[in-house]
């Protein structure tokens, strides 16, 4: 639930554009 709130905030402040590198580690 805490992450769901975090994701809501991240999506409000950043729009990932085409070609954005999303690194998973």
PDBML (XML) file of the C-alpha atoms, coordinates in Angstrom:
<?xml version="1.0" encoding="UTF-8" ?>
<PDBx:datablock datablockName="MODEL"
   xmlns:PDBx="http://pdbml.pdb.org/schema/pdbx-v50.xsd"
   xmlns:xsi="http://www.w3.org/2001/XMLSchema-instance"
   xsi:schemaLocation="http://pdbml.pdb.org/schema/pdbx-v50.xsd pdbx-v50.xsd">
   <PDBx:atom_siteCategory>
      <PDBx:atom_site id="1">
         <PDBx:B_iso_or_equiv>0.00</PDBx:B_iso_or_equiv>
         <PDBx:Cartn_x>0.000</PDBx:Cartn_x>
         <PDBx:Cartn_y>0.000</PDBx:Cartn_y>
         <PDBx:Cartn_z>0.000</PDBx:Cartn_z>
         <PDBx:auth_asym_id>A</PDBx:auth_asym_id>
         <PDBx:auth_atom_id>CA</PDBx:auth_atom_id>
         <PDBx:auth_comp_id>UNK</PDBx:auth_comp_id>
         <PDBx:auth_seq_id>1</PDBx:auth_seq_id>
         <PDBx:group_PDB>ATOM</PDBx:group_PDB>
         <PDBx:label_alt_id xsi:nil="true" />
         <PDBx:label_asym_id>A</PDBx:label_asym_id>
         <PDBx:label_atom_id>CA</PDBx:label_atom_id>
         <PDBx:label_comp_id>UNK</PDBx:label_comp_id>
         <PDBx:label_entity_id>1</PDBx:label_entity_id>
         <PDBx:label_seq_id>1</PDBx:label_seq_id>
         <PDBx:occupancy>1.00</PDBx:occupancy>
         <PDBx:pdbx_PDB_model_num>1</PDBx:pdbx_PDB_model_num>
         <PDBx:type_symbol>C</PDBx:type_symbol>
      </PDBx:atom_site>
      <PDBx:atom_site id="2">
         <PDBx:B_iso_or_equiv>0.00</PDBx:B_iso_or_equiv>
         <PDBx:Cartn_x>2.857</PDBx:Cartn_x>
         <PDBx:Cartn_y>2.372</PDBx:Cartn_y>
         <PDBx:Cartn_z>0.789</PDBx:Cartn_z>
         <PDBx:auth_asym_id>A</PDBx:auth_asym_id>
         <PDBx:auth_atom_id>CA</PDBx:auth_atom_id>
         <PDBx:auth_comp_id>UNK</PDBx:auth_comp_id>
         <PDBx:auth_seq_id>2</PDBx:auth_seq_id>
         <PDBx:group_PDB>ATOM</PDBx:group_PDB>
         <PDBx:label_alt_id xsi:nil="true" />
         <PDBx:label_asym_id>A</PDBx:label_asym_id>
         <PDBx:label_atom_id>CA</PDBx:label_atom_id>
         <PDBx:label_comp_id>UNK</PDBx:label_comp_id>
         <PDBx:label_entity_id>1</PDBx:label_entity_id>
         <PDBx:label_seq_id>2</PDBx:label_seq_id>
         <PDBx:occupancy>1.00</PDBx:occupancy>
         <PDBx:pdbx_PDB_model_num>1</PDBx:pdbx_PDB_model_num>
         <PDBx:type_symbol>C</PDBx:type_symbol>
      </PDBx:atom_site>
      <PDBx:atom_site id="3">
         <PDBx:B_iso_or_equiv>0.00</PDBx:B_iso_or_equiv>
         <PDBx:Cartn_x>4.399</PDBx:Cartn_x>
         <PDBx:Cartn_y>1.620</PDBx:Cartn_y>
         <PDBx:Cartn_z>-2.605</PDBx:Cartn_z>
         <PDBx:auth_asym_id>A</PDBx:auth_asym_id>
         <PDBx:auth_atom_id>CA</PDBx:auth_atom_id>
         <PDBx:auth_comp_id>UNK</PDBx:auth_comp_id>
         <PDBx:auth_seq_id>3</PDBx:auth_seq_id>
         <PDBx:group_PDB>ATOM</PDBx:group_PDB>
         <PDBx:label_alt_id xsi:nil="true" />
         <PDBx:label_asym_id>A</PDBx:label_asym_id>
         <PDBx:label_atom_id>CA</PDBx:label_atom_id>
         <PDBx:label_comp_id>UNK</PDBx:label_comp_id>
         <PDBx:label_entity_id>1</PDBx:label_entity_id>
         <PDBx:label_seq_id>3</PDBx:label_seq_id>
         <PDBx:occupancy>1.00</PDBx:occupancy>
         <PDBx:pdbx_PDB_model_num>1</PDBx:pdbx_PDB_model_num>
         <PDBx:type_symbol>C</PDBx:type_symbol>
      </PDBx:atom_site>
      <PDBx:atom_site id="4">
         <PDBx:B_iso_or_equiv>0.00</PDBx:B_iso_or_equiv>
         <PDBx:Cartn_x>1.047</PDBx:Cartn_x>
         <PDBx:Cartn_y>2.269</PDBx:Cartn_y>
         <PDBx:Cartn_z>-4.275</PDBx:Cartn_z>
         <PDBx:auth_asym_id>A</PDBx:auth_asym_id>
         <PDBx:auth_atom_id>CA</PDBx:auth_atom_id>
         <PDBx:auth_comp_id>UNK</PDBx:auth_comp_id>
         <PDBx:auth_seq_id>4</PDBx:auth_seq_id>
         <PDBx:group_PDB>ATOM</PDBx:group_PDB>
         <PDBx:label_alt_id xsi:nil="true" />
         <PDBx:label_asym_id>A</PDBx:label_asym_id>
         <PDBx:label_atom_id>CA</PDBx:label_atom_id>
         <PDBx:label_comp_id>UNK</PDBx:label_comp_id>
         <PDBx:label_entity_id>1</PDBx:label_entity_id>
         <PDBx:label_seq_id>4</PDBx:label_seq_id>
         <PDBx:occupancy>1.00</PDBx:occupancy>
         <PDBx:pdbx_PDB_model_num>1</PDBx:pdbx_PDB_model_num>
         <PDBx:type_symbol>C</PDBx:type_symbol>
      </PDBx:atom_site>
      <PDBx:atom_site id="5">
         <PDBx:B_iso_or_equiv>0.00</PDBx:B_iso_or_equiv>
         <PDBx:Cartn_x>1.078</PDBx:Cartn_x>
         <PDBx:Cartn_y>5.778</PDBx:Cartn_y>
         <PDBx:Cartn_z>-2.788</PDBx:Cartn_z>
         <PDBx:auth_asym_id>A</PDBx:auth_asym_id>
         <PDBx:auth_atom_id>CA</PDBx:auth_atom_id>
         <PDBx:auth_comp_id>UNK</PDBx:auth_comp_id>
         <PDBx:auth_seq_id>5</PDBx:auth_seq_id>
         <PDBx:group_PDB>ATOM</PDBx:group_PDB>
         <PDBx:label_alt_id xsi:nil="true" />
         <PDBx:label_asym_id>A</PDBx:label_asym_id>
         <PDBx:label_atom_id>CA</PDBx:label_atom_id>
         <PDBx:label_comp_id>UNK</PDBx:label_comp_id>
         <PDBx:label_entity_id>1</PDBx:label_entity_id>
         <PDBx:label_seq_id>5</PDBx:label_seq_id>
         <PDBx:occupancy>1.00</PDBx:occupancy>
         <PDBx:pdbx_PDB_model_num>1</PDBx:pdbx_PDB_model_num>
         <PDBx:type_symbol>C</PDBx:type_symbol>
      </PDBx:atom_site>
      <PDBx:atom_site id="6">
         <PDBx:B_iso_or_equiv>0.00</PDBx:B_iso_or_equiv>
         <PDBx:Cartn_x>4.698</PDBx:Cartn_x>
         <PDBx:Cartn_y>6.203</PDBx:Cartn_y>
         <PDBx:Cartn_z>-3.875</PDBx:Cartn_z>
         <PDBx:auth_asym_id>A</PDBx:auth_asym_id>
         <PDBx:auth_atom_id>CA</PDBx:auth_atom_id>
         <PDBx:auth_comp_id>UNK</PDBx:auth_comp_id>
         <PDBx:auth_seq_id>6</PDBx:auth_seq_id>
         <PDBx:group_PDB>ATOM</PDBx:group_PDB>
         <PDBx:label_alt_id xsi:nil="true" />
         <PDBx:label_asym_id>A</PDBx:label_asym_id>
         <PDBx:label_atom_id>CA</PDBx:label_atom_id>
         <PDBx:label_comp_id>UNK</PDBx:label_comp_id>
         <PDBx:label_entity_id>1</PDBx:label_entity_id>
         <PDBx:label_seq_id>6</PDBx:label_seq_id>
         <PDBx:occupancy>1.00</PDBx:occupancy>
         <PDBx:pdbx_PDB_model_num>1</PDBx:pdbx_PDB_model_num>
         <PDBx:type_symbol>C</PDBx:type_symbol>
      </PDBx:atom_site>
      <PDBx:atom_site id="7">
         <PDBx:B_iso_or_equiv>0.00</PDBx:B_iso_or_equiv>
         <PDBx:Cartn_x>3.874</PDBx:Cartn_x>
         <PDBx:Cartn_y>5.134</PDBx:Cartn_y>
         <PDBx:Cartn_z>-7.449</PDBx:Cartn_z>
         <PDBx:auth_asym_id>A</PDBx:auth_asym_id>
         <PDBx:auth_atom_id>CA</PDBx:auth_atom_id>
         <PDBx:auth_comp_id>UNK</PDBx:auth_comp_id>
         <PDBx:auth_seq_id>7</PDBx:auth_seq_id>
         <PDBx:group_PDB>ATOM</PDBx:group_PDB>
         <PDBx:label_alt_id xsi:nil="true" />
         <PDBx:label_asym_id>A</PDBx:label_asym_id>
         <PDBx:label_atom_id>CA</PDBx:label_atom_id>
         <PDBx:label_comp_id>UNK</PDBx:label_comp_id>
         <PDBx:label_entity_id>1</PDBx:label_entity_id>
         <PDBx:label_seq_id>7</PDBx:label_seq_id>
         <PDBx:occupancy>1.00</PDBx:occupancy>
         <PDBx:pdbx_PDB_model_num>1</PDBx:pdbx_PDB_model_num>
         <PDBx:type_symbol>C</PDBx:type_symbol>
      </PDBx:atom_site>
      <PDBx:atom_site id="8">
         <PDBx:B_iso_or_equiv>0.00</PDBx:B_iso_or_equiv>
         <PDBx:Cartn_x>0.956</PDBx:Cartn_x>
         <PDBx:Cartn_y>7.557</PDBx:Cartn_y>
         <PDBx:Cartn_z>-7.544</PDBx:Cartn_z>
         <PDBx:auth_asym_id>A</PDBx:auth_asym_id>
         <PDBx:auth_atom_id>CA</PDBx:auth_atom_id>
         <PDBx:auth_comp_id>UNK</PDBx:auth_comp_id>
         <PDBx:auth_seq_id>8</PDBx:auth_seq_id>
         <PDBx:group_PDB>ATOM</PDBx:group_PDB>
         <PDBx:label_alt_id xsi:nil="true" />
         <PDBx:label_asym_id>A</PDBx:label_asym_id>
         <PDBx:label_atom_id>CA</PDBx:label_atom_id>
         <PDBx:label_comp_id>UNK</PDBx:label_comp_id>
         <PDBx:label_entity_id>1</PDBx:label_entity_id>
         <PDBx:label_seq_id>8</PDBx:label_seq_id>
         <PDBx:occupancy>1.00</PDBx:occupancy>
         <PDBx:pdbx_PDB_model_num>1</PDBx:pdbx_PDB_model_num>
         <PDBx:type_symbol>C</PDBx:type_symbol>
      </PDBx:atom_site>
      <PDBx:atom_site id="9">
         <PDBx:B_iso_or_equiv>0.00</PDBx:B_iso_or_equiv>
         <PDBx:Cartn_x>3.307</PDBx:Cartn_x>
         <PDBx:Cartn_y>10.378</PDBx:Cartn_y>
         <PDBx:Cartn_z>-6.594</PDBx:Cartn_z>
         <PDBx:auth_asym_id>A</PDBx:auth_asym_id>
         <PDBx:auth_atom_id>CA</PDBx:auth_atom_id>
         <PDBx:auth_comp_id>UNK</PDBx:auth_comp_id>
         <PDBx:auth_seq_id>9</PDBx:auth_seq_id>
         <PDBx:group_PDB>ATOM</PDBx:group_PDB>
         <PDBx:label_alt_id xsi:nil="true" />
         <PDBx:label_asym_id>A</PDBx:label_asym_id>
         <PDBx:label_atom_id>CA</PDBx:label_atom_id>
         <PDBx:label_comp_id>UNK</PDBx:label_comp_id>
         <PDBx:label_entity_id>1</PDBx:label_entity_id>
         <PDBx:label_seq_id>9</PDBx:label_seq_id>
         <PDBx:occupancy>1.00</PDBx:occupancy>
         <PDBx:pdbx_PDB_model_num>1</PDBx:pdbx_PDB_model_num>
         <PDBx:type_symbol>C</PDBx:type_symbol>
      </PDBx:atom_site>
      <PDBx:atom_site id="10">
         <PDBx:B_iso_or_equiv>0.00</PDBx:B_iso_or_equiv>
         <PDBx:Cartn_x>6.059</PDBx:Cartn_x>
         <PDBx:Cartn_y>9.365</PDBx:Cartn_y>
         <PDBx:Cartn_z>-9.046</PDBx:Cartn_z>
         <PDBx:auth_asym_id>A</PDBx:auth_asym_id>
         <PDBx:auth_atom_id>CA</PDBx:auth_atom_id>
         <PDBx:auth_comp_id>UNK</PDBx:auth_comp_id>
         <PDBx:auth_seq_id>10</PDBx:auth_seq_id>
         <PDBx:group_PDB>ATOM</PDBx:group_PDB>
         <PDBx:label_alt_id xsi:nil="true" />
         <PDBx:label_asym_id>A</PDBx:label_asym_id>
         <PDBx:label_atom_id>CA</PDBx:label_atom_id>
         <PDBx:label_comp_id>UNK</PDBx:label_comp_id>
         <PDBx:label_entity_id>1</PDBx:label_entity_id>
         <PDBx:label_seq_id>10</PDBx:label_seq_id>
         <PDBx:occupancy>1.00</PDBx:occupancy>
         <PDBx:pdbx_PDB_model_num>1</PDBx:pdbx_PDB_model_num>
         <PDBx:type_symbol>C</PDBx:type_symbol>
      </PDBx:atom_site>
      <PDBx:atom_site id="11">
         <PDBx:B_iso_or_equiv>0.00</PDBx:B_iso_or_equiv>
         <PDBx:Cartn_x>3.567</PDBx:Cartn_x>
         <PDBx:Cartn_y>9.277</PDBx:Cartn_y>
         <PDBx:Cartn_z>-11.909</PDBx:Cartn_z>
         <PDBx:auth_asym_id>A</PDBx:auth_asym_id>
         <PDBx:auth_atom_id>CA</PDBx:auth_atom_id>
         <PDBx:auth_comp_id>UNK</PDBx:auth_comp_id>
         <PDBx:auth_seq_id>11</PDBx:auth_seq_id>
         <PDBx:group_PDB>ATOM</PDBx:group_PDB>
         <PDBx:label_alt_id xsi:nil="true" />
         <PDBx:label_asym_id>A</PDBx:label_asym_id>
         <PDBx:label_atom_id>CA</PDBx:label_atom_id>
         <PDBx:label_comp_id>UNK</PDBx:label_comp_id>
         <PDBx:label_entity_id>1</PDBx:label_entity_id>
         <PDBx:label_seq_id>11</PDBx:label_seq_id>
         <PDBx:occupancy>1.00</PDBx:occupancy>
         <PDBx:pdbx_PDB_model_num>1</PDBx:pdbx_PDB_model_num>
         <PDBx:type_symbol>C</PDBx:type_symbol>
      </PDBx:atom_site>
      <PDBx:atom_site id="12">
         <PDBx:B_iso_or_equiv>0.00</PDBx:B_iso_or_equiv>
         <PDBx:Cartn_x>2.412</PDBx:Cartn_x>
         <PDBx:Cartn_y>12.765</PDBx:Cartn_y>
         <PDBx:Cartn_z>-10.982</PDBx:Cartn_z>
         <PDBx:auth_asym_id>A</PDBx:auth_asym_id>
         <PDBx:auth_atom_id>CA</PDBx:auth_atom_id>
         <PDBx:auth_comp_id>UNK</PDBx:auth_comp_id>
         <PDBx:auth_seq_id>12</PDBx:auth_seq_id>
         <PDBx:group_PDB>ATOM</PDBx:group_PDB>
         <PDBx:label_alt_id xsi:nil="true" />
         <PDBx:label_asym_id>A</PDBx:label_asym_id>
         <PDBx:label_atom_id>CA</PDBx:label_atom_id>
         <PDBx:label_comp_id>UNK</PDBx:label_comp_id>
         <PDBx:label_entity_id>1</PDBx:label_entity_id>
         <PDBx:label_seq_id>12</PDBx:label_seq_id>
         <PDBx:occupancy>1.00</PDBx:occupancy>
         <PDBx:pdbx_PDB_model_num>1</PDBx:pdbx_PDB_model_num>
         <PDBx:type_symbol>C</PDBx:type_symbol>
      </PDBx:atom_site>
      <PDBx:atom_site id="13">
         <PDBx:B_iso_or_equiv>0.00</PDBx:B_iso_or_equiv>
         <PDBx:Cartn_x>5.909</PDBx:Cartn_x>
         <PDBx:Cartn_y>14.256</PDBx:Cartn_y>
         <PDBx:Cartn_z>-11.156</PDBx:Cartn_z>
         <PDBx:auth_asym_id>A</PDBx:auth_asym_id>
         <PDBx:auth_atom_id>CA</PDBx:auth_atom_id>
         <PDBx:auth_comp_id>UNK</PDBx:auth_comp_id>
         <PDBx:auth_seq_id>13</PDBx:auth_seq_id>
         <PDBx:group_PDB>ATOM</PDBx:group_PDB>
         <PDBx:label_alt_id xsi:nil="true" />
         <PDBx:label_asym_id>A</PDBx:label_asym_id>
         <PDBx:label_atom_id>CA</PDBx:label_atom_id>
         <PDBx:label_comp_id>UNK</PDBx:label_comp_id>
         <PDBx:label_entity_id>1</PDBx:label_entity_id>
         <PDBx:label_seq_id>13</PDBx:label_seq_id>
         <PDBx:occupancy>1.00</PDBx:occupancy>
         <PDBx:pdbx_PDB_model_num>1</PDBx:pdbx_PDB_model_num>
         <PDBx:type_symbol>C</PDBx:type_symbol>
      </PDBx:atom_site>
      <PDBx:atom_site id="14">
         <PDBx:B_iso_or_equiv>0.00</PDBx:B_iso_or_equiv>
         <PDBx:Cartn_x>7.437</PDBx:Cartn_x>
         <PDBx:Cartn_y>12.374</PDBx:Cartn_y>
         <PDBx:Cartn_z>-14.100</PDBx:Cartn_z>
         <PDBx:auth_asym_id>A</PDBx:auth_asym_id>
         <PDBx:auth_atom_id>CA</PDBx:auth_atom_id>
         <PDBx:auth_comp_id>UNK</PDBx:auth_comp_id>
         <PDBx:auth_seq_id>14</PDBx:auth_seq_id>
         <PDBx:group_PDB>ATOM</PDBx:group_PDB>
         <PDBx:label_alt_id xsi:nil="true" />
         <PDBx:label_asym_id>A</PDBx:label_asym_id>
         <PDBx:label_atom_id>CA</PDBx:label_atom_id>
         <PDBx:label_comp_id>UNK</PDBx:label_comp_id>
         <PDBx:label_entity_id>1</PDBx:label_entity_id>
         <PDBx:label_seq_id>14</PDBx:label_seq_id>
         <PDBx:occupancy>1.00</PDBx:occupancy>
         <PDBx:pdbx_PDB_model_num>1</PDBx:pdbx_PDB_model_num>
         <PDBx:type_symbol>C</PDBx:type_symbol>
      </PDBx:atom_site>
      <PDBx:atom_site id="15">
         <PDBx:B_iso_or_equiv>0.00</PDBx:B_iso_or_equiv>
         <PDBx:Cartn_x>6.206</PDBx:Cartn_x>
         <PDBx:Cartn_y>11.216</PDBx:Cartn_y>
         <PDBx:Cartn_z>-17.473</PDBx:Cartn_z>
         <PDBx:auth_asym_id>A</PDBx:auth_asym_id>
         <PDBx:auth_atom_id>CA</PDBx:auth_atom_id>
         <PDBx:auth_comp_id>UNK</PDBx:auth_comp_id>
         <PDBx:auth_seq_id>15</PDBx:auth_seq_id>
         <PDBx:group_PDB>ATOM</PDBx:group_PDB>
         <PDBx:label_alt_id xsi:nil="true" />
         <PDBx:label_asym_id>A</PDBx:label_asym_id>
         <PDBx:label_atom_id>CA</PDBx:label_atom_id>
         <PDBx:label_comp_id>UNK</PDBx:label_comp_id>
         <PDBx:label_entity_id>1</PDBx:label_entity_id>
         <PDBx:label_seq_id>15</PDBx:label_seq_id>
         <PDBx:occupancy>1.00</PDBx:occupancy>
         <PDBx:pdbx_PDB_model_num>1</PDBx:pdbx_PDB_model_num>
         <PDBx:type_symbol>C</PDBx:type_symbol>
      </PDBx:atom_site>
      <PDBx:atom_site id="16">
         <PDBx:B_iso_or_equiv>0.00</PDBx:B_iso_or_equiv>
         <PDBx:Cartn_x>8.509</PDBx:Cartn_x>
         <PDBx:Cartn_y>8.568</PDBx:Cartn_y>
         <PDBx:Cartn_z>-18.921</PDBx:Cartn_z>
         <PDBx:auth_asym_id>A</PDBx:auth_asym_id>
         <PDBx:auth_atom_id>CA</PDBx:auth_atom_id>
         <PDBx:auth_comp_id>UNK</PDBx:auth_comp_id>
         <PDBx:auth_seq_id>16</PDBx:auth_seq_id>
         <PDBx:group_PDB>ATOM</PDBx:group_PDB>
         <PDBx:label_alt_id xsi:nil="true" />
         <PDBx:label_asym_id>A</PDBx:label_asym_id>
         <PDBx:label_atom_id>CA</PDBx:label_atom_id>
         <PDBx:label_comp_id>UNK</PDBx:label_comp_id>
         <PDBx:label_entity_id>1</PDBx:label_entity_id>
         <PDBx:label_seq_id>16</PDBx:label_seq_id>
         <PDBx:occupancy>1.00</PDBx:occupancy>
         <PDBx:pdbx_PDB_model_num>1</PDBx:pdbx_PDB_model_num>
         <PDBx:type_symbol>C</PDBx:type_symbol>
      </PDBx:atom_site>
      <PDBx:atom_site id="17">
         <PDBx:B_iso_or_equiv>0.00</PDBx:B_iso_or_equiv>
         <PDBx:Cartn_x>9.247</PDBx:Cartn_x>
         <PDBx:Cartn_y>9.465</PDBx:Cartn_y>
         <PDBx:Cartn_z>-22.518</PDBx:Cartn_z>
         <PDBx:auth_asym_id>A</PDBx:auth_asym_id>
         <PDBx:auth_atom_id>CA</PDBx:auth_atom_id>
         <PDBx:auth_comp_id>UNK</PDBx:auth_comp_id>
         <PDBx:auth_seq_id>17</PDBx:auth_seq_id>
         <PDBx:group_PDB>ATOM</PDBx:group_PDB>
         <PDBx:label_alt_id xsi:nil="true" />
         <PDBx:label_asym_id>A</PDBx:label_asym_id>
         <PDBx:label_atom_id>CA</PDBx:label_atom_id>
         <PDBx:label_comp_id>UNK</PDBx:label_comp_id>
         <PDBx:label_entity_id>1</PDBx:label_entity_id>
         <PDBx:label_seq_id>17</PDBx:label_seq_id>
         <PDBx:occupancy>1.00</PDBx:occupancy>
         <PDBx:pdbx_PDB_model_num>1</PDBx:pdbx_PDB_model_num>
         <PDBx:type_symbol>C</PDBx:type_symbol>
      </PDBx:atom_site>
      <PDBx:atom_site id="18">
         <PDBx:B_iso_or_equiv>0.00</PDBx:B_iso_or_equiv>
         <PDBx:Cartn_x>9.889</PDBx:Cartn_x>
         <PDBx:Cartn_y>7.086</PDBx:Cartn_y>
         <PDBx:Cartn_z>-25.391</PDBx:Cartn_z>
         <PDBx:auth_asym_id>A</PDBx:auth_asym_id>
         <PDBx:auth_atom_id>CA</PDBx:auth_atom_id>
         <PDBx:auth_comp_id>UNK</PDBx:auth_comp_id>
         <PDBx:auth_seq_id>18</PDBx:auth_seq_id>
         <PDBx:group_PDB>ATOM</PDBx:group_PDB>
         <PDBx:label_alt_id xsi:nil="true" />
         <PDBx:label_asym_id>A</PDBx:label_asym_id>
         <PDBx:label_atom_id>CA</PDBx:label_atom_id>
         <PDBx:label_comp_id>UNK</PDBx:label_comp_id>
         <PDBx:label_entity_id>1</PDBx:label_entity_id>
         <PDBx:label_seq_id>18</PDBx:label_seq_id>
         <PDBx:occupancy>1.00</PDBx:occupancy>
         <PDBx:pdbx_PDB_model_num>1</PDBx:pdbx_PDB_model_num>
         <PDBx:type_symbol>C</PDBx:type_symbol>
      </PDBx:atom_site>
      <PDBx:atom_site id="19">
         <PDBx:B_iso_or_equiv>0.00</PDBx:B_iso_or_equiv>
         <PDBx:Cartn_x>13.378</PDBx:Cartn_x>
         <PDBx:Cartn_y>5.662</PDBx:Cartn_y>
         <PDBx:Cartn_z>-25.143</PDBx:Cartn_z>
         <PDBx:auth_asym_id>A</PDBx:auth_asym_id>
         <PDBx:auth_atom_id>CA</PDBx:auth_atom_id>
         <PDBx:auth_comp_id>UNK</PDBx:auth_comp_id>
         <PDBx:auth_seq_id>19</PDBx:auth_seq_id>
         <PDBx:group_PDB>ATOM</PDBx:group_PDB>
         <PDBx:label_alt_id xsi:nil="true" />
         <PDBx:label_asym_id>A</PDBx:label_asym_id>
         <PDBx:label_atom_id>CA</PDBx:label_atom_id>
         <PDBx:label_comp_id>UNK</PDBx:label_comp_id>
         <PDBx:label_entity_id>1</PDBx:label_entity_id>
         <PDBx:label_seq_id>19</PDBx:label_seq_id>
         <PDBx:occupancy>1.00</PDBx:occupancy>
         <PDBx:pdbx_PDB_model_num>1</PDBx:pdbx_PDB_model_num>
         <PDBx:type_symbol>C</PDBx:type_symbol>
      </PDBx:atom_site>
      <PDBx:atom_site id="20">
         <PDBx:B_iso_or_equiv>0.00</PDBx:B_iso_or_equiv>
         <PDBx:Cartn_x>13.668</PDBx:Cartn_x>
         <PDBx:Cartn_y>6.140</PDBx:Cartn_y>
         <PDBx:Cartn_z>-21.363</PDBx:Cartn_z>
         <PDBx:auth_asym_id>A</PDBx:auth_asym_id>
         <PDBx:auth_atom_id>CA</PDBx:auth_atom_id>
         <PDBx:auth_comp_id>UNK</PDBx:auth_comp_id>
         <PDBx:auth_seq_id>20</PDBx:auth_seq_id>
         <PDBx:group_PDB>ATOM</PDBx:group_PDB>
         <PDBx:label_alt_id xsi:nil="true" />
         <PDBx:label_asym_id>A</PDBx:label_asym_id>
         <PDBx:label_atom_id>CA</PDBx:label_atom_id>
         <PDBx:label_comp_id>UNK</PDBx:label_comp_id>
         <PDBx:label_entity_id>1</PDBx:label_entity_id>
         <PDBx:label_seq_id>20</PDBx:label_seq_id>
         <PDBx:occupancy>1.00</PDBx:occupancy>
         <PDBx:pdbx_PDB_model_num>1</PDBx:pdbx_PDB_model_num>
         <PDBx:type_symbol>C</PDBx:type_symbol>
      </PDBx:atom_site>
      <PDBx:atom_site id="21">
         <PDBx:B_iso_or_equiv>0.00</PDBx:B_iso_or_equiv>
         <PDBx:Cartn_x>16.144</PDBx:Cartn_x>
         <PDBx:Cartn_y>3.638</PDBx:Cartn_y>
         <PDBx:Cartn_z>-19.916</PDBx:Cartn_z>
         <PDBx:auth_asym_id>A</PDBx:auth_asym_id>
         <PDBx:auth_atom_id>CA</PDBx:auth_atom_id>
         <PDBx:auth_comp_id>UNK</PDBx:auth_comp_id>
         <PDBx:auth_seq_id>21</PDBx:auth_seq_id>
         <PDBx:group_PDB>ATOM</PDBx:group_PDB>
         <PDBx:label_alt_id xsi:nil="true" />
         <PDBx:label_asym_id>A</PDBx:label_asym_id>
         <PDBx:label_atom_id>CA</PDBx:label_atom_id>
         <PDBx:label_comp_id>UNK</PDBx:label_comp_id>
         <PDBx:label_entity_id>1</PDBx:label_entity_id>
         <PDBx:label_seq_id>21</PDBx:label_seq_id>
         <PDBx:occupancy>1.00</PDBx:occupancy>
         <PDBx:pdbx_PDB_model_num>1</PDBx:pdbx_PDB_model_num>
         <PDBx:type_symbol>C</PDBx:type_symbol>
      </PDBx:atom_site>
      <PDBx:atom_site id="22">
         <PDBx:B_iso_or_equiv>0.00</PDBx:B_iso_or_equiv>
         <PDBx:Cartn_x>14.604</PDBx:Cartn_x>
         <PDBx:Cartn_y>1.798</PDBx:Cartn_y>
         <PDBx:Cartn_z>-16.963</PDBx:Cartn_z>
         <PDBx:auth_asym_id>A</PDBx:auth_asym_id>
         <PDBx:auth_atom_id>CA</PDBx:auth_atom_id>
         <PDBx:auth_comp_id>UNK</PDBx:auth_comp_id>
         <PDBx:auth_seq_id>22</PDBx:auth_seq_id>
         <PDBx:group_PDB>ATOM</PDBx:group_PDB>
         <PDBx:label_alt_id xsi:nil="true" />
         <PDBx:label_asym_id>A</PDBx:label_asym_id>
         <PDBx:label_atom_id>CA</PDBx:label_atom_id>
         <PDBx:label_comp_id>UNK</PDBx:label_comp_id>
         <PDBx:label_entity_id>1</PDBx:label_entity_id>
         <PDBx:label_seq_id>22</PDBx:label_seq_id>
         <PDBx:occupancy>1.00</PDBx:occupancy>
         <PDBx:pdbx_PDB_model_num>1</PDBx:pdbx_PDB_model_num>
         <PDBx:type_symbol>C</PDBx:type_symbol>
      </PDBx:atom_site>
      <PDBx:atom_site id="23">
         <PDBx:B_iso_or_equiv>0.00</PDBx:B_iso_or_equiv>
         <PDBx:Cartn_x>17.363</PDBx:Cartn_x>
         <PDBx:Cartn_y>-0.051</PDBx:Cartn_y>
         <PDBx:Cartn_z>-15.123</PDBx:Cartn_z>
         <PDBx:auth_asym_id>A</PDBx:auth_asym_id>
         <PDBx:auth_atom_id>CA</PDBx:auth_atom_id>
         <PDBx:auth_comp_id>UNK</PDBx:auth_comp_id>
         <PDBx:auth_seq_id>23</PDBx:auth_seq_id>
         <PDBx:group_PDB>ATOM</PDBx:group_PDB>
         <PDBx:label_alt_id xsi:nil="true" />
         <PDBx:label_asym_id>A</PDBx:label_asym_id>
         <PDBx:label_atom_id>CA</PDBx:label_atom_id>
         <PDBx:label_comp_id>UNK</PDBx:label_comp_id>
         <PDBx:label_entity_id>1</PDBx:label_entity_id>
         <PDBx:label_seq_id>23</PDBx:label_seq_id>
         <PDBx:occupancy>1.00</PDBx:occupancy>
         <PDBx:pdbx_PDB_model_num>1</PDBx:pdbx_PDB_model_num>
         <PDBx:type_symbol>C</PDBx:type_symbol>
      </PDBx:atom_site>
      <PDBx:atom_site id="24">
         <PDBx:B_iso_or_equiv>0.00</PDBx:B_iso_or_equiv>
         <PDBx:Cartn_x>16.397</PDBx:Cartn_x>
         <PDBx:Cartn_y>-2.941</PDBx:Cartn_y>
         <PDBx:Cartn_z>-12.852</PDBx:Cartn_z>
         <PDBx:auth_asym_id>A</PDBx:auth_asym_id>
         <PDBx:auth_atom_id>CA</PDBx:auth_atom_id>
         <PDBx:auth_comp_id>UNK</PDBx:auth_comp_id>
         <PDBx:auth_seq_id>24</PDBx:auth_seq_id>
         <PDBx:group_PDB>ATOM</PDBx:group_PDB>
         <PDBx:label_alt_id xsi:nil="true" />
         <PDBx:label_asym_id>A</PDBx:label_asym_id>
         <PDBx:label_atom_id>CA</PDBx:label_atom_id>
         <PDBx:label_comp_id>UNK</PDBx:label_comp_id>
         <PDBx:label_entity_id>1</PDBx:label_entity_id>
         <PDBx:label_seq_id>24</PDBx:label_seq_id>
         <PDBx:occupancy>1.00</PDBx:occupancy>
         <PDBx:pdbx_PDB_model_num>1</PDBx:pdbx_PDB_model_num>
         <PDBx:type_symbol>C</PDBx:type_symbol>
      </PDBx:atom_site>
      <PDBx:atom_site id="25">
         <PDBx:B_iso_or_equiv>0.00</PDBx:B_iso_or_equiv>
         <PDBx:Cartn_x>18.933</PDBx:Cartn_x>
         <PDBx:Cartn_y>-3.985</PDBx:Cartn_y>
         <PDBx:Cartn_z>-10.228</PDBx:Cartn_z>
         <PDBx:auth_asym_id>A</PDBx:auth_asym_id>
         <PDBx:auth_atom_id>CA</PDBx:auth_atom_id>
         <PDBx:auth_comp_id>UNK</PDBx:auth_comp_id>
         <PDBx:auth_seq_id>25</PDBx:auth_seq_id>
         <PDBx:group_PDB>ATOM</PDBx:group_PDB>
         <PDBx:label_alt_id xsi:nil="true" />
         <PDBx:label_asym_id>A</PDBx:label_asym_id>
         <PDBx:label_atom_id>CA</PDBx:label_atom_id>
         <PDBx:label_comp_id>UNK</PDBx:label_comp_id>
         <PDBx:label_entity_id>1</PDBx:label_entity_id>
         <PDBx:label_seq_id>25</PDBx:label_seq_id>
         <PDBx:occupancy>1.00</PDBx:occupancy>
         <PDBx:pdbx_PDB_model_num>1</PDBx:pdbx_PDB_model_num>
         <PDBx:type_symbol>C</PDBx:type_symbol>
      </PDBx:atom_site>
   </PDBx:atom_siteCategory>
</PDBx:datablock>
